[in-house]
N, C-alpha and C. Protein backbone atom coordinates (compact mmCIF):
# COMPACT_ATOMS: atom_id res chain seq x y z
N MET A 1 209.32 62.94 105.82
CA MET A 1 209.09 62.77 107.26
C MET A 1 210.29 63.29 108.03
N PRO A 2 210.01 64.15 109.02
CA PRO A 2 211.10 64.72 109.82
C PRO A 2 211.77 63.62 110.62
N GLN A 3 213.08 63.73 110.80
CA GLN A 3 213.80 62.71 111.59
C GLN A 3 214.08 63.27 112.95
N ASN A 4 214.01 62.37 113.93
CA ASN A 4 214.37 62.75 115.33
C ASN A 4 215.89 62.58 115.37
N VAL A 5 216.60 63.61 115.02
CA VAL A 5 218.05 63.64 114.84
C VAL A 5 218.71 63.34 116.20
N PRO A 6 218.32 63.96 117.34
CA PRO A 6 219.02 63.60 118.61
C PRO A 6 218.88 62.14 119.02
N LEU A 7 217.66 61.53 118.82
CA LEU A 7 217.53 60.15 119.13
C LEU A 7 218.35 59.25 118.17
N ILE A 8 218.36 59.56 116.86
CA ILE A 8 219.19 58.80 115.96
C ILE A 8 220.70 58.93 116.27
N HIS A 9 221.07 60.12 116.62
CA HIS A 9 222.53 60.35 116.96
C HIS A 9 222.90 59.55 118.22
N MET A 10 221.96 59.56 119.24
CA MET A 10 222.24 58.81 120.45
C MET A 10 222.33 57.30 120.15
N LEU A 11 221.41 56.81 119.31
CA LEU A 11 221.46 55.39 118.97
C LEU A 11 222.71 54.98 118.24
N LEU A 12 223.06 55.78 117.25
CA LEU A 12 224.26 55.51 116.41
C LEU A 12 225.51 55.65 117.22
N SER A 13 225.54 56.46 118.28
CA SER A 13 226.71 56.59 119.12
C SER A 13 226.96 55.35 119.97
N LYS A 14 225.91 54.51 120.05
CA LYS A 14 226.03 53.27 120.83
C LYS A 14 226.30 52.08 119.98
N TRP A 15 226.61 52.27 118.70
CA TRP A 15 226.83 51.14 117.77
C TRP A 15 228.20 50.50 118.01
N ASP A 16 228.21 49.22 118.10
CA ASP A 16 229.43 48.41 118.24
C ASP A 16 229.73 47.67 116.96
N MET A 17 230.80 48.01 116.21
CA MET A 17 231.07 47.36 114.97
C MET A 17 231.32 45.85 115.05
N LYS A 18 232.03 45.45 116.15
CA LYS A 18 232.42 44.07 116.27
C LYS A 18 231.18 43.12 116.35
N THR A 19 230.20 43.56 117.24
CA THR A 19 229.09 42.69 117.49
C THR A 19 227.85 43.08 116.61
N GLU A 20 227.97 44.06 115.85
CA GLU A 20 226.93 44.61 115.02
C GLU A 20 225.61 44.76 115.88
N SER A 21 225.80 45.44 116.93
CA SER A 21 224.73 45.66 117.80
C SER A 21 224.91 47.02 118.55
N PHE A 22 223.80 47.47 119.18
CA PHE A 22 223.85 48.69 120.01
C PHE A 22 224.10 48.23 121.42
N ILE A 23 225.04 48.95 122.06
CA ILE A 23 225.35 48.64 123.48
C ILE A 23 224.69 49.78 124.31
N ILE A 24 223.63 49.47 124.94
CA ILE A 24 222.84 50.41 125.78
C ILE A 24 222.75 49.91 127.20
N LYS A 25 223.28 50.78 128.06
CA LYS A 25 223.39 50.44 129.52
C LYS A 25 224.01 49.02 129.75
N GLY A 26 225.08 48.69 128.97
CA GLY A 26 225.72 47.45 129.12
C GLY A 26 225.07 46.28 128.49
N GLN A 27 223.91 46.49 127.90
CA GLN A 27 223.19 45.35 127.21
C GLN A 27 223.38 45.47 125.76
N SER A 28 223.58 44.29 125.08
CA SER A 28 223.76 44.24 123.60
C SER A 28 222.36 44.12 122.98
N LEU A 29 222.08 45.06 122.12
CA LEU A 29 220.85 45.02 121.38
C LEU A 29 221.09 44.77 119.91
N LYS A 30 220.96 43.53 119.46
CA LYS A 30 221.23 43.17 118.07
C LYS A 30 220.30 43.90 117.09
N PHE A 31 220.83 44.15 115.97
CA PHE A 31 220.03 44.70 114.83
C PHE A 31 220.03 43.64 113.68
N THR A 32 219.01 42.81 113.72
CA THR A 32 219.02 41.63 112.88
C THR A 32 218.12 41.74 111.69
N SER A 33 218.28 40.87 110.68
CA SER A 33 217.42 40.86 109.54
C SER A 33 215.99 40.37 109.90
N GLU A 34 215.95 39.58 110.97
CA GLU A 34 214.64 39.09 111.46
C GLU A 34 213.74 40.30 111.92
N GLU A 35 214.42 41.17 112.61
CA GLU A 35 213.70 42.33 113.10
C GLU A 35 213.22 43.23 111.89
N VAL A 36 214.09 43.40 110.88
CA VAL A 36 213.76 44.16 109.71
C VAL A 36 212.64 43.53 108.99
N ALA A 37 212.65 42.13 108.86
CA ALA A 37 211.57 41.43 108.16
C ALA A 37 210.26 41.69 108.87
N LEU A 38 210.32 41.56 110.17
CA LEU A 38 209.07 41.80 110.96
C LEU A 38 208.52 43.26 110.76
N LEU A 39 209.45 44.23 110.68
CA LEU A 39 209.03 45.64 110.52
C LEU A 39 208.50 45.96 109.17
N ILE A 40 209.14 45.39 108.11
CA ILE A 40 208.68 45.69 106.74
C ILE A 40 207.73 44.66 106.21
N GLY A 41 207.51 43.60 106.92
CA GLY A 41 206.49 42.59 106.47
C GLY A 41 206.98 41.82 105.22
N MET A 42 208.21 41.55 105.11
CA MET A 42 208.74 40.74 103.97
C MET A 42 209.50 39.57 104.43
N PRO A 43 209.58 38.50 103.67
CA PRO A 43 210.29 37.30 104.05
C PRO A 43 211.80 37.53 104.10
N ASN A 44 212.42 36.81 105.04
CA ASN A 44 213.84 36.99 105.24
C ASN A 44 214.56 35.79 104.55
N ARG A 45 214.48 35.80 103.21
CA ARG A 45 215.12 34.72 102.43
C ARG A 45 215.38 35.27 101.09
N GLY A 46 216.34 34.68 100.36
CA GLY A 46 216.60 35.04 99.01
C GLY A 46 217.93 35.65 98.79
N ILE A 47 218.11 36.28 97.60
CA ILE A 47 219.31 36.83 97.15
C ILE A 47 219.53 38.27 97.88
N ILE A 48 220.82 38.51 98.26
CA ILE A 48 221.09 39.82 98.88
C ILE A 48 221.16 40.84 97.77
N PHE A 49 220.47 41.89 97.86
CA PHE A 49 220.54 42.99 96.92
C PHE A 49 221.66 43.93 97.34
N ASP A 50 222.54 44.26 96.32
CA ASP A 50 223.65 45.20 96.61
C ASP A 50 223.35 46.43 95.77
N SER A 51 223.14 47.52 96.45
CA SER A 51 222.84 48.79 95.72
C SER A 51 224.05 49.35 94.99
N GLY A 52 225.18 48.65 95.13
CA GLY A 52 226.34 49.02 94.33
C GLY A 52 227.20 50.09 94.95
N SER A 53 228.20 50.42 94.20
CA SER A 53 229.11 51.44 94.65
C SER A 53 228.54 52.87 94.37
N GLY A 54 229.38 53.80 94.14
CA GLY A 54 228.89 55.17 93.90
C GLY A 54 228.31 55.42 92.56
N ARG A 55 228.40 54.41 91.62
CA ARG A 55 227.82 54.64 90.31
C ARG A 55 226.35 54.92 90.38
N SER A 56 225.95 56.09 89.87
CA SER A 56 224.53 56.42 89.89
C SER A 56 224.06 56.93 88.56
N SER A 57 222.72 56.92 88.42
CA SER A 57 222.16 57.39 87.18
C SER A 57 222.01 58.93 87.16
N GLY A 58 221.56 59.49 86.10
CA GLY A 58 221.25 60.89 86.11
C GLY A 58 219.96 61.28 86.69
N LYS A 59 219.12 60.25 86.98
CA LYS A 59 217.72 60.46 87.52
C LYS A 59 217.86 60.60 89.08
N THR A 60 217.00 61.42 89.60
CA THR A 60 217.00 61.58 91.06
C THR A 60 215.67 61.11 91.59
N THR A 61 215.60 60.88 92.95
CA THR A 61 214.33 60.51 93.54
C THR A 61 213.32 61.57 93.40
N ASN A 62 213.77 62.81 93.37
CA ASN A 62 212.78 63.94 93.14
C ASN A 62 212.19 63.85 91.75
N ASP A 63 212.94 63.45 90.71
CA ASP A 63 212.47 63.25 89.40
C ASP A 63 211.38 62.21 89.36
N ILE A 64 211.64 61.09 90.08
CA ILE A 64 210.65 59.98 90.16
C ILE A 64 209.39 60.43 90.81
N ARG A 65 209.56 61.09 91.95
CA ARG A 65 208.38 61.66 92.67
C ARG A 65 207.50 62.49 91.71
N ARG A 66 208.15 63.37 90.96
CA ARG A 66 207.41 64.25 90.04
C ARG A 66 206.69 63.44 89.02
N ASP A 67 207.38 62.31 88.47
CA ASP A 67 206.82 61.46 87.48
C ASP A 67 205.57 60.81 88.06
N ILE A 68 205.65 60.32 89.28
CA ILE A 68 204.53 59.68 89.95
C ILE A 68 203.33 60.69 90.09
N GLU A 69 203.66 61.90 90.47
CA GLU A 69 202.63 62.91 90.63
C GLU A 69 201.88 63.24 89.38
N ARG A 70 202.57 63.11 88.22
CA ARG A 70 201.91 63.37 86.93
C ARG A 70 201.12 62.23 86.37
N MET A 71 201.20 61.07 87.03
CA MET A 71 200.48 59.92 86.49
C MET A 71 198.96 60.07 86.77
N ASP A 72 198.22 59.49 86.00
CA ASP A 72 196.74 59.47 86.12
C ASP A 72 196.16 58.14 85.77
N SER A 73 194.86 58.06 85.66
CA SER A 73 194.28 56.71 85.41
C SER A 73 194.59 56.11 84.10
N SER A 74 195.12 56.96 83.16
CA SER A 74 195.47 56.40 81.83
C SER A 74 196.92 55.82 81.83
N THR A 75 197.64 56.04 82.95
CA THR A 75 199.01 55.51 83.00
C THR A 75 199.04 53.95 83.05
N PRO A 76 199.76 53.36 82.16
CA PRO A 76 199.85 51.89 82.22
C PRO A 76 200.30 51.35 83.55
N MET A 77 199.77 50.32 84.12
CA MET A 77 200.06 49.69 85.37
C MET A 77 201.58 49.45 85.50
N ASP A 78 202.16 48.86 84.46
CA ASP A 78 203.62 48.57 84.51
C ASP A 78 204.48 49.80 84.77
N ASP A 79 204.09 50.93 84.21
CA ASP A 79 204.81 52.16 84.43
C ASP A 79 204.64 52.60 85.87
N LEU A 80 203.45 52.54 86.37
CA LEU A 80 203.16 52.98 87.79
C LEU A 80 203.94 52.04 88.79
N VAL A 81 203.97 50.74 88.51
CA VAL A 81 204.72 49.83 89.39
C VAL A 81 206.15 50.11 89.30
N ASN A 82 206.67 50.27 88.11
CA ASN A 82 208.15 50.59 87.99
C ASN A 82 208.51 51.88 88.73
N CYS A 83 207.75 52.93 88.56
CA CYS A 83 208.07 54.18 89.26
C CYS A 83 207.89 54.03 90.72
N PHE A 84 206.93 53.27 91.21
CA PHE A 84 206.75 53.13 92.66
C PHE A 84 207.98 52.35 93.24
N VAL A 85 208.34 51.25 92.62
CA VAL A 85 209.44 50.41 93.08
C VAL A 85 210.74 51.25 93.09
N LEU A 86 210.91 51.96 92.03
CA LEU A 86 212.12 52.81 91.89
C LEU A 86 212.17 53.83 92.99
N TYR A 87 211.08 54.52 93.23
CA TYR A 87 211.04 55.50 94.31
C TYR A 87 211.24 54.87 95.67
N LEU A 88 210.56 53.78 95.91
CA LEU A 88 210.77 53.12 97.20
C LEU A 88 212.14 52.66 97.46
N LEU A 89 212.79 51.98 96.51
CA LEU A 89 214.14 51.52 96.70
C LEU A 89 215.12 52.62 96.80
N SER A 90 214.92 53.69 95.96
CA SER A 90 215.92 54.74 96.04
C SER A 90 215.83 55.60 97.32
N ASN A 91 214.65 55.51 97.98
CA ASN A 91 214.60 56.13 99.32
C ASN A 91 215.07 55.29 100.42
N ILE A 92 215.18 53.97 100.23
CA ILE A 92 215.82 53.02 101.18
C ILE A 92 217.34 53.07 101.07
N PHE A 93 217.78 53.05 99.78
CA PHE A 93 219.22 52.95 99.48
C PHE A 93 219.79 54.21 98.82
N TYR A 94 219.28 55.33 99.18
CA TYR A 94 219.70 56.56 98.41
C TYR A 94 221.08 56.95 98.79
N PRO A 95 221.85 57.26 97.81
CA PRO A 95 223.24 57.89 98.09
C PRO A 95 223.03 59.39 98.29
N MET A 96 223.98 60.06 98.88
CA MET A 96 223.85 61.49 99.12
C MET A 96 224.24 62.35 97.96
N ALA A 97 224.48 61.74 96.79
CA ALA A 97 224.83 62.53 95.57
C ALA A 97 223.59 63.13 95.00
N ASN A 98 223.00 64.05 95.73
CA ASN A 98 221.83 64.80 95.31
C ASN A 98 220.63 63.80 95.01
N PHE A 99 220.59 62.74 95.83
CA PHE A 99 219.52 61.71 95.79
C PHE A 99 219.51 61.06 94.41
N ARG A 100 220.66 60.93 93.79
CA ARG A 100 220.77 60.21 92.51
C ARG A 100 220.53 58.70 92.72
N ILE A 101 219.91 58.07 91.79
CA ILE A 101 219.45 56.67 91.98
C ILE A 101 220.64 55.79 91.50
N PRO A 102 221.05 54.81 92.37
CA PRO A 102 222.08 53.86 92.02
C PRO A 102 221.66 53.08 90.73
N LEU A 103 222.64 52.86 89.86
CA LEU A 103 222.32 52.06 88.67
C LEU A 103 221.81 50.65 88.95
N ALA A 104 222.25 50.04 90.07
CA ALA A 104 221.77 48.69 90.42
C ALA A 104 220.27 48.63 90.60
N ILE A 105 219.68 49.78 91.12
CA ILE A 105 218.22 49.81 91.27
C ILE A 105 217.58 49.92 89.89
N LEU A 106 218.09 50.75 89.00
CA LEU A 106 217.58 50.84 87.65
C LEU A 106 217.63 49.47 86.94
N GLU A 107 218.78 48.77 87.14
CA GLU A 107 218.96 47.46 86.54
C GLU A 107 217.90 46.47 87.01
N LEU A 108 217.53 46.56 88.28
CA LEU A 108 216.54 45.62 88.85
C LEU A 108 215.24 45.82 88.14
N LEU A 109 214.95 47.11 87.73
CA LEU A 109 213.63 47.33 87.09
C LEU A 109 213.55 46.69 85.69
N ASN A 110 214.64 46.33 85.10
CA ASN A 110 214.68 45.65 83.75
C ASN A 110 214.07 44.34 83.89
N ASN A 111 214.08 43.71 85.09
CA ASN A 111 213.43 42.40 85.24
C ASN A 111 212.73 42.40 86.59
N LEU A 112 211.60 43.09 86.67
CA LEU A 112 210.91 43.26 88.00
C LEU A 112 210.35 41.96 88.53
N ASP A 113 210.24 40.94 87.65
CA ASP A 113 209.78 39.66 88.15
C ASP A 113 210.75 39.06 89.20
N THR A 114 211.96 39.49 89.20
CA THR A 114 212.95 39.01 90.19
C THR A 114 212.82 39.71 91.54
N PHE A 115 212.02 40.63 91.67
CA PHE A 115 211.86 41.41 92.89
C PHE A 115 211.69 40.56 94.14
N ASN A 116 210.81 39.58 94.02
CA ASN A 116 210.52 38.72 95.21
C ASN A 116 211.57 37.67 95.44
N GLN A 117 212.59 37.58 94.61
CA GLN A 117 213.73 36.69 94.81
C GLN A 117 214.72 37.27 95.75
N TYR A 118 214.59 38.59 96.03
CA TYR A 118 215.62 39.21 96.85
C TYR A 118 215.19 39.15 98.40
N ASN A 119 216.24 39.14 99.22
CA ASN A 119 216.01 39.15 100.67
C ASN A 119 216.14 40.62 101.07
N TRP A 120 215.05 41.31 101.02
CA TRP A 120 215.00 42.72 101.26
C TRP A 120 215.39 43.02 102.76
N PRO A 121 214.90 42.25 103.71
CA PRO A 121 215.27 42.54 105.11
C PRO A 121 216.79 42.48 105.31
N GLU A 122 217.50 41.45 104.85
CA GLU A 122 218.97 41.33 105.02
C GLU A 122 219.62 42.37 104.18
N SER A 123 219.11 42.65 102.99
CA SER A 123 219.67 43.68 102.11
C SER A 123 219.70 45.07 102.85
N ILE A 124 218.61 45.42 103.41
CA ILE A 124 218.43 46.69 104.11
C ILE A 124 219.36 46.69 105.36
N ARG A 125 219.34 45.56 106.12
CA ARG A 125 220.21 45.53 107.33
C ARG A 125 221.70 45.62 106.93
N SER A 126 222.06 44.86 105.90
CA SER A 126 223.52 44.96 105.54
C SER A 126 223.89 46.33 105.03
N PHE A 127 223.06 47.01 104.31
CA PHE A 127 223.36 48.34 103.88
C PHE A 127 223.52 49.29 105.14
N LEU A 128 222.51 49.17 106.02
CA LEU A 128 222.59 50.04 107.22
C LEU A 128 223.76 49.73 108.08
N VAL A 129 224.09 48.49 108.26
CA VAL A 129 225.29 48.17 109.08
C VAL A 129 226.53 48.83 108.54
N LYS A 130 226.68 48.80 107.14
CA LYS A 130 227.85 49.45 106.58
C LYS A 130 227.86 51.00 106.92
N GLU A 131 226.62 51.54 106.87
CA GLU A 131 226.55 52.97 107.19
C GLU A 131 226.80 53.24 108.66
N PHE A 132 226.32 52.35 109.56
CA PHE A 132 226.55 52.52 110.98
C PHE A 132 228.10 52.39 111.28
N ASN A 133 228.71 51.51 110.57
CA ASN A 133 230.17 51.30 110.79
C ASN A 133 230.95 52.55 110.32
N VAL A 134 230.48 53.18 109.26
CA VAL A 134 231.11 54.47 108.87
C VAL A 134 230.96 55.53 109.96
N VAL A 135 229.78 55.60 110.50
CA VAL A 135 229.50 56.50 111.67
C VAL A 135 230.40 56.17 112.86
N ALA A 136 230.52 54.90 113.22
CA ALA A 136 231.32 54.49 114.37
C ALA A 136 232.74 54.77 114.07
N SER A 137 233.27 54.58 112.90
CA SER A 137 234.64 54.91 112.54
C SER A 137 234.88 56.45 112.69
N LYS A 138 233.95 57.28 112.19
CA LYS A 138 234.12 58.74 112.32
C LYS A 138 234.14 59.13 113.82
N GLN A 139 233.23 58.50 114.56
CA GLN A 139 233.15 58.87 115.91
C GLN A 139 234.39 58.46 116.72
N ALA A 140 234.94 57.33 116.37
CA ALA A 140 236.23 56.83 117.08
C ALA A 140 237.34 57.83 116.77
N LYS A 141 237.37 58.45 115.62
CA LYS A 141 238.39 59.39 115.19
C LYS A 141 238.10 60.86 115.68
N GLY A 142 236.94 61.04 116.31
CA GLY A 142 236.59 62.31 116.83
C GLY A 142 236.00 63.20 115.78
N PHE A 143 235.61 62.69 114.63
CA PHE A 143 234.94 63.51 113.58
C PHE A 143 233.49 63.62 113.86
N GLY A 144 232.82 64.59 113.19
CA GLY A 144 231.38 64.73 113.21
C GLY A 144 230.71 63.55 112.49
N LEU A 145 229.56 63.17 112.92
CA LEU A 145 228.91 61.97 112.33
C LEU A 145 228.44 62.25 110.93
N GLY A 146 228.07 63.42 110.60
CA GLY A 146 227.60 63.71 109.26
C GLY A 146 226.29 63.06 109.02
N TYR A 147 225.98 62.83 107.71
CA TYR A 147 224.67 62.31 107.32
C TYR A 147 224.78 60.76 107.15
N VAL A 148 223.72 60.08 107.48
CA VAL A 148 223.75 58.63 107.33
C VAL A 148 222.82 58.23 106.14
N ASN A 149 223.35 57.51 105.16
CA ASN A 149 222.49 57.06 104.09
C ASN A 149 221.54 55.97 104.51
N GLY A 150 220.38 55.88 103.89
CA GLY A 150 219.51 54.80 104.16
C GLY A 150 218.34 55.13 105.04
N PHE A 151 217.48 54.18 105.22
CA PHE A 151 216.26 54.32 105.98
C PHE A 151 216.58 54.13 107.47
N VAL A 152 217.21 55.16 108.11
CA VAL A 152 217.59 55.03 109.47
C VAL A 152 216.45 55.10 110.46
N MET A 153 215.26 55.58 109.99
CA MET A 153 214.14 55.64 110.88
C MET A 153 213.68 54.27 111.37
N ILE A 154 214.06 53.17 110.61
CA ILE A 154 213.77 51.84 111.04
C ILE A 154 214.43 51.51 112.39
N LEU A 155 215.47 52.24 112.66
CA LEU A 155 216.14 52.08 113.96
C LEU A 155 215.25 52.42 115.16
N ILE A 156 214.60 53.55 115.02
CA ILE A 156 213.72 53.99 116.06
C ILE A 156 212.57 52.97 116.28
N VAL A 157 212.01 52.56 115.19
CA VAL A 157 210.94 51.56 115.26
C VAL A 157 211.41 50.27 115.87
N SER A 158 212.60 49.78 115.47
CA SER A 158 213.22 48.66 115.98
C SER A 158 213.46 48.69 117.46
N ILE A 159 214.07 49.78 117.93
CA ILE A 159 214.30 49.98 119.34
C ILE A 159 213.04 50.04 120.10
N LEU A 160 212.02 50.75 119.65
CA LEU A 160 210.75 50.85 120.27
C LEU A 160 210.08 49.45 120.45
N CYS A 161 210.13 48.68 119.43
CA CYS A 161 209.63 47.29 119.46
C CYS A 161 210.36 46.51 120.49
N PHE A 162 211.66 46.59 120.55
CA PHE A 162 212.45 45.89 121.60
C PHE A 162 212.09 46.28 122.97
N PHE A 163 211.93 47.60 123.22
CA PHE A 163 211.56 48.04 124.61
C PHE A 163 210.12 47.66 124.88
N ASN A 164 209.20 47.66 123.92
CA ASN A 164 207.86 47.22 124.13
C ASN A 164 207.86 45.76 124.54
N LYS A 165 208.68 44.84 123.90
CA LYS A 165 208.75 43.48 124.26
C LYS A 165 209.30 43.32 125.71
N CYS A 166 210.25 44.19 126.07
CA CYS A 166 210.79 44.13 127.40
C CYS A 166 209.72 44.47 128.43
N LEU A 167 208.97 45.47 128.17
CA LEU A 167 207.92 45.94 129.04
C LEU A 167 206.88 44.79 129.23
N ILE A 168 206.49 44.18 128.11
CA ILE A 168 205.53 43.10 128.26
C ILE A 168 206.06 41.94 129.05
N SER A 169 207.37 41.55 128.88
CA SER A 169 208.03 40.57 129.65
C SER A 169 208.04 40.86 131.13
N VAL A 170 208.33 42.08 131.48
CA VAL A 170 208.40 42.52 132.93
C VAL A 170 207.02 42.48 133.48
N GLN A 171 206.00 42.97 132.74
CA GLN A 171 204.65 42.95 133.22
C GLN A 171 204.06 41.58 133.45
N ASN A 172 204.56 40.56 132.72
CA ASN A 172 204.10 39.17 132.81
C ASN A 172 204.82 38.42 133.91
N LEU A 173 205.74 39.00 134.61
CA LEU A 173 206.50 38.32 135.66
C LEU A 173 205.58 38.17 136.94
């Protein structure tokens, strides 16, 4: 999916590390796990998943995508589910090391029954907040923003939902 880089850049340039929110026209716009839960349709409770440090496997998200494309009706369901979860999580928490998959994600697949025990909304939010803070630090030093890891497109959806709520509130006055 192509990214709207100017819009993402504008949003990230408004990030405030202290309040963990976007400051737009003097208004604080929080980026919360409740919003992420609403957007991804998962409960906001459980264990926080940590994608780990820079340790990554030799497998890439492109390898997983090719594995999925080769699957057919004879593929065991467990293999299909494992590949799908691996692909999904690696695209949410991907490092920029050639899209190499963090070992923590591979370890999660060893016991996929624990998947629902994780608080995915807060895990995604926490991961993105760390990335936003890196961007804010670079910007404060006058450096280029570079690339942001993670599913940053959720920002655009989150902001659009917020503005839609504001419009509905104004129309109901």
